[in-house]
Protein backbone atom coordinates (compact mmCIF):
# COMPACT_ATOMS: atom_id res chain seq x y z
CA UNK A 1 33.55 -104.83 35.43
CA UNK A 2 30.85 -103.47 33.16
CA UNK A 3 30.32 -105.18 29.84
CA UNK A 4 28.14 -105.03 26.78
CA UNK A 5 24.96 -102.99 26.76
CA UNK A 6 25.34 -101.73 30.33
CA UNK A 7 28.74 -100.21 29.59
CA UNK A 8 27.43 -98.62 26.39
CA UNK A 9 24.37 -97.14 28.14
CA UNK A 10 26.52 -95.63 30.90
CA UNK A 11 28.95 -94.24 28.32
CA UNK A 12 26.12 -92.63 26.33
CA UNK A 13 24.26 -91.22 29.35
CA UNK A 14 24.05 -87.43 29.24
CA UNK A 15 21.62 -85.05 30.88
CA UNK A 16 21.03 -81.50 31.96
CA UNK A 17 21.37 -81.09 35.69
CA UNK A 18 21.04 -78.58 38.47
CA UNK A 19 24.81 -78.00 38.35
CA UNK A 20 25.57 -78.26 34.63
CA UNK A 21 24.98 -74.55 33.86
CA UNK A 22 22.62 -75.28 30.95
CA UNK A 23 25.04 -77.69 29.28
CA UNK A 24 24.69 -81.43 28.91
CA UNK A 25 26.66 -83.42 31.49
CA UNK A 26 27.97 -86.96 31.15
CA UNK A 27 27.59 -89.57 33.85
CA UNK A 28 31.32 -89.26 34.57
CA UNK A 29 30.93 -85.52 35.12
CA UNK A 30 27.95 -86.08 37.40
CA UNK A 31 29.86 -88.68 39.42
CA UNK A 32 32.88 -86.39 39.73
CA UNK A 33 30.66 -83.75 41.36
CA UNK A 34 28.92 -86.10 43.80
CA UNK A 35 29.19 -85.27 47.47
CA UNK A 36 31.60 -87.43 49.51
CA UNK A 37 29.74 -90.51 50.70
CA UNK A 38 26.87 -90.02 48.21
CA UNK A 39 25.78 -93.42 46.93
CA UNK A 40 22.72 -92.49 44.87
CA UNK A 41 22.20 -90.69 41.59
CA UNK A 42 19.28 -88.29 41.80
CA UNK A 43 17.09 -87.61 38.80
CA UNK A 44 13.66 -86.21 38.06
CA UNK A 45 11.54 -86.53 34.93
CA UNK A 46 8.62 -84.50 33.69
CA UNK A 47 7.09 -82.48 30.87
CA UNK A 48 9.54 -79.58 30.93
CA UNK A 49 12.60 -78.32 32.74
CA UNK A 50 10.63 -75.29 33.90
CA UNK A 51 8.03 -77.55 35.52
CA UNK A 52 10.71 -79.70 37.16
CA UNK A 53 12.50 -76.69 38.63
CA UNK A 54 9.38 -75.97 40.73
CA UNK A 55 9.24 -79.46 42.22
CA UNK A 56 9.37 -79.71 46.05
CA UNK A 57 11.45 -82.87 45.60
CA UNK A 58 14.07 -80.91 43.68
CA UNK A 59 14.02 -78.04 46.15
CA UNK A 60 14.91 -80.32 49.08
CA UNK A 61 17.82 -81.92 47.24
CA UNK A 62 19.23 -78.57 46.10
CA UNK A 63 19.10 -77.27 49.70
CA UNK A 64 21.24 -80.29 50.65
CA UNK A 65 23.64 -79.42 47.80
CA UNK A 66 22.87 -82.54 45.74
CA UNK A 67 23.01 -82.43 41.96
CA UNK A 68 19.87 -83.68 40.20
CA UNK A 69 19.62 -84.80 36.56
CA UNK A 70 16.68 -83.65 34.45
């Protein structure tokens, strides 16, 4: 059971992602779209979304149909 600050942080977590169609997505939305058996949450950080979209790391995950948070 999550309590205190951890629960609040997870509740407040929102991000753009490779599958959010330009809209912010909550952690619950991200989790609902995870592939069966997926145990990890994938994310990438950088200076701009445009820069991140050119990342080889991102390209490999998208080819495997994983969603990645920006």
